[in-house]
C-alpha atoms as a PDB file:
ATOM      1  CA  MET A   1       0.000   0.000   0.000  1.00  0.00           C
ATOM      2  CA  TYR A   2       1.156   3.547  -0.755  1.00  0.00           C
ATOM      3  CA  ALA A   3       0.186   6.930   0.645  1.00  0.00           C
ATOM      4  CA  SER A   4       0.055  10.377  -0.841  1.00  0.00           C
ATOM      5  CA  VAL A   5       0.539  13.161   1.691  1.00  0.00           C
ATOM      6  CA  ARG A   6      -0.063  16.852   1.110  1.00  0.00           C
ATOM      7  CA  ILE A   7       0.789  19.429   3.758  1.00  0.00           C
ATOM      8  CA  TYR A   8      -0.911  22.817   3.481  1.00  0.00           C
ATOM      9  CA  ARG A   9       0.360  25.787   5.481  1.00  0.00           C
ATOM     10  CA  SER A  10      -1.573  28.570   3.781  1.00  0.00           C
ATOM     11  CA  LEU A  11      -5.265  27.642   3.611  1.00  0.00           C
ATOM     12  CA  LYS A  12      -7.968  29.909   5.002  1.00  0.00           C
ATOM     13  CA  ASN A  13     -11.615  29.047   5.706  1.00  0.00           C
ATOM     14  CA  PHE A  14     -10.966  25.344   6.176  1.00  0.00           C
ATOM     15  CA  ASP A  15     -14.696  24.566   6.512  1.00  0.00           C
ATOM     16  CA  GLU A  16     -15.355  25.796   2.952  1.00  0.00           C
ATOM     17  CA  VAL A  17     -12.227  24.054   1.673  1.00  0.00           C
ATOM     18  CA  VAL A  18     -13.487  20.792   3.185  1.00  0.00           C
ATOM     19  CA  ARG A  19     -16.895  21.230   1.552  1.00  0.00           C
ATOM     20  CA  ARG A  20     -15.289  21.757  -1.850  1.00  0.00           C
ATOM     21  CA  VAL A  21     -12.893  18.842  -1.372  1.00  0.00           C
ATOM     22  CA  GLU A  22     -15.755  16.497  -0.458  1.00  0.00           C
ATOM     23  CA  THR A  23     -17.825  17.420  -3.492  1.00  0.00           C
ATOM     24  CA  GLY A  24     -15.071  18.015  -6.056  1.00  0.00           C
ATOM     25  CA  LEU A  25     -11.734  16.420  -5.260  1.00  0.00           C
ATOM     26  CA  VAL A  26     -12.782  13.206  -3.537  1.00  0.00           C
ATOM     27  CA  PRO A  27     -14.797  11.975  -6.544  1.00  0.00           C
ATOM     28  CA  LEU A  28     -11.717  12.577  -8.745  1.00  0.00           C
ATOM     29  CA  LEU A  29      -9.481  10.642  -6.379  1.00  0.00           C
ATOM     30  CA  LYS A  30     -11.935   7.753  -6.231  1.00  0.00           C
ATOM     31  CA  GLY A  31     -11.333   7.433  -9.969  1.00  0.00           C
ATOM     32  CA  VAL A  32      -7.608   6.796  -9.482  1.00  0.00           C
ATOM     33  CA  PRO A  33      -6.901   3.061  -9.888  1.00  0.00           C
ATOM     34  CA  GLY A  34      -6.130   1.434  -6.559  1.00  0.00           C
ATOM     35  CA  PHE A  35      -7.868   4.117  -4.450  1.00  0.00           C
ATOM     36  CA  ARG A  36      -8.393   2.941  -0.860  1.00  0.00           C
ATOM     37  CA  GLY A  37      -9.235   6.046   1.132  1.00  0.00           C
ATOM     38  CA  TYR A  38      -8.809   9.760   1.713  1.00  0.00           C
ATOM     39  CA  TYR A  39      -8.441  11.739   4.935  1.00  0.00           C
ATOM     40  CA  ALA A  40      -8.308  15.511   5.509  1.00  0.00           C
ATOM     41  CA  ILE A  41      -6.837  16.525   8.853  1.00  0.00           C
ATOM     42  CA  GLU A  42      -7.030  19.949  10.478  1.00  0.00           C
ATOM     43  CA  CYS A  43      -3.942  20.390  12.653  1.00  0.00           C
ATOM     44  CA  GLU A  44      -2.949  23.132  15.052  1.00  0.00           C
ATOM     45  CA  GLY A  45      -1.088  26.224  13.953  1.00  0.00           C
ATOM     46  CA  GLY A  46      -2.850  26.609  10.606  1.00  0.00           C
ATOM     47  CA  VAL A  47      -1.463  23.382   9.165  1.00  0.00           C
ATOM     48  CA  ASP A  48      -3.777  21.067   7.244  1.00  0.00           C
ATOM     49  CA  VAL A  49      -2.851  17.622   5.965  1.00  0.00           C
ATOM     50  CA  ALA A  50      -4.437  15.380   3.338  1.00  0.00           C
ATOM     51  CA  VAL A  51      -3.633  11.676   3.154  1.00  0.00           C
ATOM     52  CA  GLY A  52      -4.717   9.327   0.398  1.00  0.00           C
ATOM     53  CA  LEU A  53      -4.168   5.578   0.409  1.00  0.00           C
ATOM     54  CA  PHE A  54      -3.625   3.554  -2.764  1.00  0.00           C
ATOM     55  CA  ASP A  55      -2.641   0.046  -3.820  1.00  0.00           C
ATOM     56  CA  ASP A  56       0.537   1.193  -5.550  1.00  0.00           C
ATOM     57  CA  GLU A  57       2.978   4.060  -5.934  1.00  0.00           C
ATOM     58  CA  GLU A  58       1.580   5.015  -9.330  1.00  0.00           C
ATOM     59  CA  GLY A  59      -1.848   5.685  -7.801  1.00  0.00           C
ATOM     60  CA  ALA A  60      -0.367   7.746  -4.958  1.00  0.00           C
ATOM     61  CA  ARG A  61       1.631   9.913  -7.356  1.00  0.00           C
ATOM     62  CA  ALA A  62      -1.310  10.291  -9.739  1.00  0.00           C
ATOM     63  CA  SER A  63      -3.487  11.476  -6.868  1.00  0.00           C
ATOM     64  CA  ASN A  64      -0.958  14.191  -5.983  1.00  0.00           C
ATOM     65  CA  GLU A  65      -0.962  15.369  -9.601  1.00  0.00           C
ATOM     66  CA  ARG A  66      -4.759  15.412  -9.783  1.00  0.00           C
ATOM     67  CA  ALA A  67      -5.061  17.142  -6.413  1.00  0.00           C
ATOM     68  CA  ALA A  68      -2.521  19.815  -7.348  1.00  0.00           C
ATOM     69  CA  ALA A  69      -4.334  20.633 -10.598  1.00  0.00           C
ATOM     70  CA  TRP A  70      -7.730  20.592  -8.899  1.00  0.00           C
ATOM     71  CA  GLY A  71      -6.477  22.786  -6.054  1.00  0.00           C
ATOM     72  CA  ARG A  72      -5.088  25.419  -8.432  1.00  0.00           C
ATOM     73  CA  GLU A  73      -8.486  25.635 -10.123  1.00  0.00           C
ATOM     74  CA  ASN A  74     -10.743  25.398  -7.065  1.00  0.00           C
ATOM     75  CA  LEU A  75      -8.911  26.600  -3.956  1.00  0.00           C
ATOM     76  CA  ALA A  76      -6.794  29.556  -5.105  1.00  0.00           C
ATOM     77  CA  GLU A  77      -9.003  32.049  -3.266  1.00  0.00           C
ATOM     78  CA  PHE A  78      -8.301  30.239   0.029  1.00  0.00           C
ATOM     79  CA  SER A  79      -4.510  30.185  -0.305  1.00  0.00           C
ATOM     80  CA  ASP A  80      -1.723  32.727  -0.120  1.00  0.00           C
ATOM     81  CA  GLY A  81      -0.217  31.132  -3.219  1.00  0.00           C
ATOM     82  CA  ARG A  82       2.164  28.713  -1.544  1.00  0.00           C
ATOM     83  CA  PRO A  83       1.721  25.218  -2.976  1.00  0.00           C
ATOM     84  CA  PRO A  84       1.372  22.302  -0.583  1.00  0.00           C
ATOM     85  CA  GLU A  85       4.294  20.085   0.213  1.00  0.00           C
ATOM     86  CA  MET A  86       3.551  16.821  -1.621  1.00  0.00           C
ATOM     87  CA  LEU A  87       4.970  13.434  -0.721  1.00  0.00           C
ATOM     88  CA  ALA A  88       4.276   9.857  -1.750  1.00  0.00           C
ATOM     89  CA  GLY A  89       5.653   6.705  -0.218  1.00  0.00           C
ATOM     90  CA  ARG A  90       5.208   3.087   0.734  1.00  0.00           C
ATOM     91  CA  VAL A  91       3.183   2.436   3.879  1.00  0.00           C
ATOM     92  CA  LEU A  92       5.359   0.369   6.203  1.00  0.00           C
ATOM     93  CA  VAL A  93       2.943  -0.053   9.109  1.00  0.00           C
ATOM     94  CA  ALA A  94      -0.830  -0.091   8.876  1.00  0.00           C
ATOM     95  CA  ALA A  95      -3.223  -0.947  11.692  1.00  0.00           C
ATOM     96  CA  ASP A  96      -6.985  -1.022  11.736  1.00  0.00           C
ATOM     97  CA  ARG A  97      -9.354  -1.651  14.529  1.00  0.00           C
END
């Protein structure tokens, strides 16, 4: 399993961003082969993190590309222009309930 991780340090109005992500980005990501899940996390200090899980590295990287393009088109008004930090990697430990 692979994860895509995006770290945002410049988003404003996170509630509206979440609404747009749920209705616009998540359906796009579900179309990426090997999609397993998506999580948006509101952290302290104005940092927000998005994590997507995929069967393989290709899916994780494709999701970062799709999310970056979608974000430029749909979230520009909520950002100061700094792009998110984007990472993709192999999940080494996974635990479920």
